[in-house]
């Protein structure tokens, strides 16, 4: 019985890795669409969101079967329940990548009013945070999860940089480019939210290992 349960946990981990690869790719491609003003790539990201949603449902079903059929002990229960929490955040990350891509379609014919480097950097950091948060779950690495949480400050600082640059544009151009200012600010906010979701995942990883969450202690 235990051997079969361990096999199913391994399958669950593999599913999470697959979903992680999908959302990491979505963020990277959304950023490519932004940087290159590539409408075809942006539309592909939007269409791929259905794959991410489908993977979420697949993992959710696997978790529920494990909980109902296998009656896991506390340690295993924490791991499975954490997977359920993770996929909710992972699905939202996919949504945000699609949101960024939708804005990119609107911006495709416009000359950018600011240097995109801070936004590109936000994308790089958030992809890394997502990857490391999932790796921390698979390897049961508390320190790696904590490192993900610590990197959120870098994302927040980049958001402040983007805001300052956009405000300067508004002042300089007397709000002539206000629509693009709003669009780019929305993109920055979506990257910031992706970072927040990666932090959520990392916090639940710590819970699955220690039984302690920042808001509660469960086992």
C-alpha atoms as a PDB file:
ATOM      1  CA  UNK A   1       0.000   0.000   0.000  1.00  0.00           C
ATOM      2  CA  UNK A   2       2.765   2.432   0.964  1.00  0.00           C
ATOM      3  CA  UNK A   3       4.685   1.658  -2.196  1.00  0.00           C
ATOM      4  CA  UNK A   4       1.707   2.527  -4.375  1.00  0.00           C
ATOM      5  CA  UNK A   5       1.151   5.745  -2.428  1.00  0.00           C
ATOM      6  CA  UNK A   6       4.773   6.770  -2.936  1.00  0.00           C
ATOM      7  CA  UNK A   7       4.399   6.093  -6.667  1.00  0.00           C
ATOM      8  CA  UNK A   8       1.349   8.342  -6.780  1.00  0.00           C
ATOM      9  CA  UNK A   9       3.208  11.083  -4.906  1.00  0.00           C
ATOM     10  CA  UNK A  10       5.969  10.852  -7.507  1.00  0.00           C
ATOM     11  CA  UNK A  11       3.388  11.166 -10.276  1.00  0.00           C
ATOM     12  CA  UNK A  12       1.927  14.189  -8.490  1.00  0.00           C
ATOM     13  CA  UNK A  13       5.359  15.805  -8.306  1.00  0.00           C
ATOM     14  CA  UNK A  14       5.871  15.151 -12.022  1.00  0.00           C
ATOM     15  CA  UNK A  15       2.519  16.790 -12.776  1.00  0.00           C
ATOM     16  CA  UNK A  16       3.547  19.835 -10.751  1.00  0.00           C
ATOM     17  CA  UNK A  17       6.827  20.049 -12.653  1.00  0.00           C
ATOM     18  CA  UNK A  18       4.888  19.908 -15.930  1.00  0.00           C
ATOM     19  CA  UNK A  19       2.515  22.662 -14.812  1.00  0.00           C
ATOM     20  CA  UNK A  20       5.490  24.672 -13.605  1.00  0.00           C
ATOM     21  CA  UNK A  21       7.123  24.374 -17.028  1.00  0.00           C
ATOM     22  CA  UNK A  22       3.916  25.607 -18.655  1.00  0.00           C
ATOM     23  CA  UNK A  23       3.655  28.720 -16.498  1.00  0.00           C
ATOM     24  CA  UNK A  24       7.372  29.466 -16.707  1.00  0.00           C
ATOM     25  CA  UNK A  25       7.107  29.273 -20.479  1.00  0.00           C
ATOM     26  CA  UNK A  26       4.023  31.493 -20.459  1.00  0.00           C
ATOM     27  CA  UNK A  27       5.816  34.234 -18.506  1.00  0.00           C
ATOM     28  CA  UNK A  28       8.875  34.007 -20.753  1.00  0.00           C
ATOM     29  CA  UNK A  29       6.796  34.126 -23.934  1.00  0.00           C
ATOM     30  CA  UNK A  30       4.650  36.986 -22.657  1.00  0.00           C
ATOM     31  CA  UNK A  31       7.853  38.910 -22.015  1.00  0.00           C
ATOM     32  CA  UNK A  32       9.120  38.064 -25.480  1.00  0.00           C
ATOM     33  CA  UNK A  33       5.860  39.382 -26.935  1.00  0.00           C
ATOM     34  CA  UNK A  34       6.334  42.585 -24.934  1.00  0.00           C
ATOM     35  CA  UNK A  35       9.965  43.132 -25.876  1.00  0.00           C
ATOM     36  CA  UNK A  36       9.574  42.257 -29.576  1.00  0.00           C
ATOM     37  CA  UNK A  37       6.016  43.544 -29.958  1.00  0.00           C
ATOM     38  CA  UNK A  38       5.120  40.171 -31.414  1.00  0.00           C
ATOM     39  CA  UNK A  39       1.353  39.732 -31.675  1.00  0.00           C
ATOM     40  CA  UNK A  40       1.549  36.082 -32.755  1.00  0.00           C
ATOM     41  CA  UNK A  41       3.521  35.153 -29.636  1.00  0.00           C
ATOM     42  CA  UNK A  42       1.123  37.121 -27.437  1.00  0.00           C
ATOM     43  CA  UNK A  43      -1.876  35.324 -28.905  1.00  0.00           C
ATOM     44  CA  UNK A  44      -0.161  31.958 -28.441  1.00  0.00           C
ATOM     45  CA  UNK A  45       0.288  32.701 -24.736  1.00  0.00           C
ATOM     46  CA  UNK A  46      -3.376  33.612 -24.412  1.00  0.00           C
ATOM     47  CA  UNK A  47      -4.406  30.367 -26.118  1.00  0.00           C
ATOM     48  CA  UNK A  48      -2.044  28.290 -23.968  1.00  0.00           C
ATOM     49  CA  UNK A  49      -3.884  29.364 -20.818  1.00  0.00           C
ATOM     50  CA  UNK A  50      -6.396  26.579 -21.483  1.00  0.00           C
ATOM     51  CA  UNK A  51      -3.564  24.030 -21.174  1.00  0.00           C
ATOM     52  CA  UNK A  52      -2.604  25.467 -17.793  1.00  0.00           C
ATOM     53  CA  UNK A  53      -6.220  25.357 -16.618  1.00  0.00           C
ATOM     54  CA  UNK A  54      -6.472  21.747 -17.763  1.00  0.00           C
ATOM     55  CA  UNK A  55      -3.320  20.788 -15.903  1.00  0.00           C
ATOM     56  CA  UNK A  56      -4.695  22.410 -12.749  1.00  0.00           C
ATOM     57  CA  UNK A  57      -7.843  20.279 -12.969  1.00  0.00           C
ATOM     58  CA  UNK A  58      -5.775  17.136 -13.597  1.00  0.00           C
ATOM     59  CA  UNK A  59      -3.602  17.730 -10.534  1.00  0.00           C
ATOM     60  CA  UNK A  60      -6.606  18.640  -8.410  1.00  0.00           C
ATOM     61  CA  UNK A  61      -8.257  15.346  -9.325  1.00  0.00           C
ATOM     62  CA  UNK A  62      -5.097  13.408  -8.499  1.00  0.00           C
ATOM     63  CA  UNK A  63      -4.810  15.121  -5.109  1.00  0.00           C
ATOM     64  CA  UNK A  64      -8.421  14.416  -4.202  1.00  0.00           C
ATOM     65  CA  UNK A  65      -8.022  10.749  -5.109  1.00  0.00           C
ATOM     66  CA  UNK A  66      -4.949  10.527  -2.897  1.00  0.00           C
ATOM     67  CA  UNK A  67      -6.801  12.108   0.009  1.00  0.00           C
ATOM     68  CA  UNK A  68      -9.939  10.007  -0.351  1.00  0.00           C
ATOM     69  CA  UNK A  69      -8.468   6.627  -1.233  1.00  0.00           C
ATOM     70  CA  UNK A  70      -5.122   6.497   0.545  1.00  0.00           C
ATOM     71  CA  UNK A  71      -5.866   8.136   3.921  1.00  0.00           C
ATOM     72  CA  UNK A  72      -2.428   9.757   4.156  1.00  0.00           C
ATOM     73  CA  UNK A  73      -0.609  10.304   7.436  1.00  0.00           C
ATOM     74  CA  UNK A  74       0.070  13.856   8.629  1.00  0.00           C
ATOM     75  CA  UNK A  75       3.303  14.378   6.697  1.00  0.00           C
ATOM     76  CA  UNK A  76       1.783  13.131   3.455  1.00  0.00           C
ATOM     77  CA  UNK A  77      -1.411  15.061   4.100  1.00  0.00           C
ATOM     78  CA  UNK A  78       0.620  18.252   4.336  1.00  0.00           C
ATOM     79  CA  UNK A  79       2.324  17.496   1.035  1.00  0.00           C
ATOM     80  CA  UNK A  80      -0.894  16.765  -0.844  1.00  0.00           C
ATOM     81  CA  UNK A  81      -2.799  19.718   0.631  1.00  0.00           C
ATOM     82  CA  UNK A  82       0.134  21.968  -0.250  1.00  0.00           C
ATOM     83  CA  UNK A  83      -0.049  20.772  -3.856  1.00  0.00           C
ATOM     84  CA  UNK A  84      -3.702  21.830  -3.908  1.00  0.00           C
ATOM     85  CA  UNK A  85      -2.753  25.275  -2.624  1.00  0.00           C
ATOM     86  CA  UNK A  86       0.118  25.560  -5.105  1.00  0.00           C
ATOM     87  CA  UNK A  87      -1.906  24.850  -8.214  1.00  0.00           C
ATOM     88  CA  UNK A  88      -4.313  27.662  -7.368  1.00  0.00           C
ATOM     89  CA  UNK A  89      -1.418  30.133  -7.361  1.00  0.00           C
ATOM     90  CA  UNK A  90       0.111  28.499 -10.428  1.00  0.00           C
ATOM     91  CA  UNK A  91      -3.136  28.840 -12.361  1.00  0.00           C
ATOM     92  CA  UNK A  92      -3.309  32.531 -11.429  1.00  0.00           C
ATOM     93  CA  UNK A  93       0.256  32.984 -12.688  1.00  0.00           C
ATOM     94  CA  UNK A  94      -0.869  31.576 -16.031  1.00  0.00           C
ATOM     95  CA  UNK A  95      -3.764  34.034 -16.033  1.00  0.00           C
ATOM     96  CA  UNK A  96      -1.401  36.943 -15.420  1.00  0.00           C
ATOM     97  CA  UNK A  97       0.871  35.859 -18.284  1.00  0.00           C
ATOM     98  CA  UNK A  98      -2.206  35.856 -20.528  1.00  0.00           C
ATOM     99  CA  UNK A  99      -3.207  39.288 -19.161  1.00  0.00           C
ATOM    100  CA  UNK A 100       0.241  40.676 -20.014  1.00  0.00           C
ATOM    101  CA  UNK A 101      -0.038  39.206 -23.495  1.00  0.00           C
ATOM    102  CA  UNK A 102      -3.452  40.758 -24.081  1.00  0.00           C
ATOM    103  CA  UNK A 103      -2.004  44.187 -23.310  1.00  0.00           C
ATOM    104  CA  UNK A 104       0.938  43.442 -25.629  1.00  0.00           C
ATOM    105  CA  UNK A 105      -1.484  43.008 -28.520  1.00  0.00           C
ATOM    106  CA  UNK A 106      -2.740  46.553 -27.927  1.00  0.00           C
ATOM    107  CA  UNK A 107       0.805  47.941 -27.672  1.00  0.00           C
ATOM    108  CA  UNK A 108       2.173  46.193 -30.754  1.00  0.00           C
ATOM    109  CA  UNK A 109       2.023  49.231 -33.049  1.00  0.00           C
ATOM    110  CA  UNK A 110       3.245  51.794 -30.513  1.00  0.00           C
ATOM    111  CA  UNK A 111       6.721  53.112 -29.809  1.00  0.00           C
ATOM    112  CA  UNK A 112       7.508  52.493 -26.153  1.00  0.00           C
ATOM    113  CA  UNK A 113       7.745  55.572 -23.964  1.00  0.00           C
ATOM    114  CA  UNK A 114      10.206  54.057 -21.460  1.00  0.00           C
ATOM    115  CA  UNK A 115      13.119  51.630 -21.465  1.00  0.00           C
ATOM    116  CA  UNK A 116      11.696  48.150 -20.867  1.00  0.00           C
ATOM    117  CA  UNK A 117      14.747  46.927 -18.937  1.00  0.00           C
ATOM    118  CA  UNK A 118      13.089  47.091 -15.483  1.00  0.00           C
ATOM    119  CA  UNK A 119      10.074  45.149 -16.794  1.00  0.00           C
ATOM    120  CA  UNK A 120      12.341  42.566 -18.413  1.00  0.00           C
ATOM    121  CA  UNK A 121      14.207  42.253 -15.130  1.00  0.00           C
ATOM    122  CA  UNK A 122      10.919  41.762 -13.266  1.00  0.00           C
ATOM    123  CA  UNK A 123      10.106  38.923 -15.669  1.00  0.00           C
ATOM    124  CA  UNK A 124      13.488  37.264 -15.111  1.00  0.00           C
ATOM    125  CA  UNK A 125      13.209  37.441 -11.339  1.00  0.00           C
ATOM    126  CA  UNK A 126       9.627  36.197 -11.200  1.00  0.00           C
ATOM    127  CA  UNK A 127      10.337  33.244 -13.503  1.00  0.00           C
ATOM    128  CA  UNK A 128      13.244  32.325 -11.245  1.00  0.00           C
ATOM    129  CA  UNK A 129      11.039  32.627  -8.153  1.00  0.00           C
ATOM    130  CA  UNK A 130       8.374  30.379  -9.667  1.00  0.00           C
ATOM    131  CA  UNK A 131      10.945  27.774 -10.688  1.00  0.00           C
ATOM    132  CA  UNK A 132      12.639  27.776  -7.291  1.00  0.00           C
ATOM    133  CA  UNK A 133       9.369  27.600  -5.353  1.00  0.00           C
ATOM    134  CA  UNK A 134       8.376  24.440  -7.229  1.00  0.00           C
ATOM    135  CA  UNK A 135      11.890  23.005  -6.883  1.00  0.00           C
ATOM    136  CA  UNK A 136      11.680  23.673  -3.137  1.00  0.00           C
ATOM    137  CA  UNK A 137       8.484  21.625  -2.936  1.00  0.00           C
ATOM    138  CA  UNK A 138       9.909  18.712  -4.901  1.00  0.00           C
ATOM    139  CA  UNK A 139      13.181  18.655  -2.950  1.00  0.00           C
ATOM    140  CA  UNK A 140      11.511  19.597   0.375  1.00  0.00           C
ATOM    141  CA  UNK A 141      14.015  22.425   0.797  1.00  0.00           C
ATOM    142  CA  UNK A 142      12.978  24.999   3.400  1.00  0.00           C
ATOM    143  CA  UNK A 143      15.976  27.255   2.765  1.00  0.00           C
ATOM    144  CA  UNK A 144      15.243  27.452  -0.957  1.00  0.00           C
ATOM    145  CA  UNK A 145      11.641  28.369  -0.173  1.00  0.00           C
ATOM    146  CA  UNK A 146      12.850  31.110   2.168  1.00  0.00           C
ATOM    147  CA  UNK A 147      15.163  32.411  -0.572  1.00  0.00           C
ATOM    148  CA  UNK A 148      12.153  32.772  -2.873  1.00  0.00           C
ATOM    149  CA  UNK A 149      10.317  34.798  -0.245  1.00  0.00           C
ATOM    150  CA  UNK A 150      13.333  37.055   0.226  1.00  0.00           C
ATOM    151  CA  UNK A 151      13.484  37.864  -3.501  1.00  0.00           C
ATOM    152  CA  UNK A 152      10.041  39.454  -3.421  1.00  0.00           C
ATOM    153  CA  UNK A 153      11.692  42.670  -2.210  1.00  0.00           C
ATOM    154  CA  UNK A 154      13.630  42.839  -5.495  1.00  0.00           C
ATOM    155  CA  UNK A 155      10.402  42.631  -7.485  1.00  0.00           C
ATOM    156  CA  UNK A 156       8.785  45.325  -5.350  1.00  0.00           C
ATOM    157  CA  UNK A 157      11.791  47.611  -5.869  1.00  0.00           C
ATOM    158  CA  UNK A 158      11.595  47.146  -9.637  1.00  0.00           C
ATOM    159  CA  UNK A 159       7.902  48.010  -9.538  1.00  0.00           C
ATOM    160  CA  UNK A 160       8.759  51.281  -7.796  1.00  0.00           C
ATOM    161  CA  UNK A 161      11.342  52.011 -10.509  1.00  0.00           C
ATOM    162  CA  UNK A 162       8.786  51.464 -13.271  1.00  0.00           C
ATOM    163  CA  UNK A 163       6.215  53.636 -11.493  1.00  0.00           C
ATOM    164  CA  UNK A 164       8.703  56.500 -11.135  1.00  0.00           C
ATOM    165  CA  UNK A 165       9.640  56.347 -14.806  1.00  0.00           C
ATOM    166  CA  UNK A 166       6.006  56.334 -15.896  1.00  0.00           C
ATOM    167  CA  UNK A 167       5.111  59.243 -13.632  1.00  0.00           C
ATOM    168  CA  UNK A 168       8.027  61.187 -15.121  1.00  0.00           C
ATOM    169  CA  UNK A 169       6.614  60.535 -18.599  1.00  0.00           C
ATOM    170  CA  UNK A 170       3.203  61.810 -17.526  1.00  0.00           C
ATOM    171  CA  UNK A 171       4.726  64.997 -16.163  1.00  0.00           C
ATOM    172  CA  UNK A 172       6.961  65.526 -19.178  1.00  0.00           C
ATOM    173  CA  UNK A 173       4.328  64.858 -21.825  1.00  0.00           C
ATOM    174  CA  UNK A 174       1.410  66.420 -19.967  1.00  0.00           C
ATOM    175  CA  UNK A 175      -0.510  63.120 -19.969  1.00  0.00           C
ATOM    176  CA  UNK A 176      -0.284  62.768 -23.770  1.00  0.00           C
ATOM    177  CA  UNK A 177       0.755  59.114 -23.404  1.00  0.00           C
ATOM    178  CA  UNK A 178      -1.503  58.322 -20.482  1.00  0.00           C
ATOM    179  CA  UNK A 179      -3.007  55.214 -22.113  1.00  0.00           C
ATOM    180  CA  UNK A 180       0.372  53.554 -22.624  1.00  0.00           C
ATOM    181  CA  UNK A 181       1.437  54.646 -19.147  1.00  0.00           C
ATOM    182  CA  UNK A 182      -1.568  52.793 -17.754  1.00  0.00           C
ATOM    183  CA  UNK A 183      -0.893  49.706 -19.895  1.00  0.00           C
ATOM    184  CA  UNK A 184       2.766  49.458 -18.882  1.00  0.00           C
ATOM    185  CA  UNK A 185       1.888  50.021 -15.244  1.00  0.00           C
ATOM    186  CA  UNK A 186      -0.642  47.183 -15.478  1.00  0.00           C
ATOM    187  CA  UNK A 187       2.031  44.906 -16.919  1.00  0.00           C
ATOM    188  CA  UNK A 188       4.378  45.794 -14.060  1.00  0.00           C
ATOM    189  CA  UNK A 189       1.596  45.057 -11.565  1.00  0.00           C
ATOM    190  CA  UNK A 190       0.979  41.659 -13.176  1.00  0.00           C
ATOM    191  CA  UNK A 191       4.667  40.778 -12.795  1.00  0.00           C
ATOM    192  CA  UNK A 192       4.500  41.920  -9.179  1.00  0.00           C
ATOM    193  CA  UNK A 193       1.479  39.676  -8.599  1.00  0.00           C
ATOM    194  CA  UNK A 194       3.308  36.748 -10.176  1.00  0.00           C
ATOM    195  CA  UNK A 195       6.045  37.307  -7.614  1.00  0.00           C
ATOM    196  CA  UNK A 196       3.423  37.367  -4.856  1.00  0.00           C
ATOM    197  CA  UNK A 197       2.020  34.033  -6.053  1.00  0.00           C
ATOM    198  CA  UNK A 198       5.527  32.541  -6.049  1.00  0.00           C
ATOM    199  CA  UNK A 199       5.874  33.719  -2.448  1.00  0.00           C
ATOM    200  CA  UNK A 200       2.541  32.078  -1.594  1.00  0.00           C
ATOM    201  CA  UNK A 201       3.791  28.816  -3.059  1.00  0.00           C
ATOM    202  CA  UNK A 202       7.033  29.065  -1.082  1.00  0.00           C
ATOM    203  CA  UNK A 203       5.123  29.711   2.150  1.00  0.00           C
ATOM    204  CA  UNK A 204       2.992  26.619   1.604  1.00  0.00           C
ATOM    205  CA  UNK A 205       6.127  24.613   0.831  1.00  0.00           C
ATOM    206  CA  UNK A 206       7.464  25.563   4.248  1.00  0.00           C
ATOM    207  CA  UNK A 207       4.134  24.511   5.734  1.00  0.00           C
ATOM    208  CA  UNK A 208       4.290  21.107   4.025  1.00  0.00           C
ATOM    209  CA  UNK A 209       7.706  20.451   5.568  1.00  0.00           C
ATOM    210  CA  UNK A 210       7.417  22.040   9.013  1.00  0.00           C
ATOM    211  CA  UNK A 211       3.675  22.108   9.660  1.00  0.00           C
ATOM    212  CA  UNK A 212       3.977  25.857  10.218  1.00  0.00           C
ATOM    213  CA  UNK A 213       2.531  28.608   8.075  1.00  0.00           C
ATOM    214  CA  UNK A 214       3.022  32.316   8.609  1.00  0.00           C
ATOM    215  CA  UNK A 215      -0.632  32.581   9.703  1.00  0.00           C
ATOM    216  CA  UNK A 216      -1.109  29.281  11.518  1.00  0.00           C
ATOM    217  CA  UNK A 217       0.391  26.038  12.799  1.00  0.00           C
ATOM    218  CA  UNK A 218      -1.381  22.899  11.655  1.00  0.00           C
ATOM    219  CA  UNK A 219       0.650  19.876  12.676  1.00  0.00           C
END
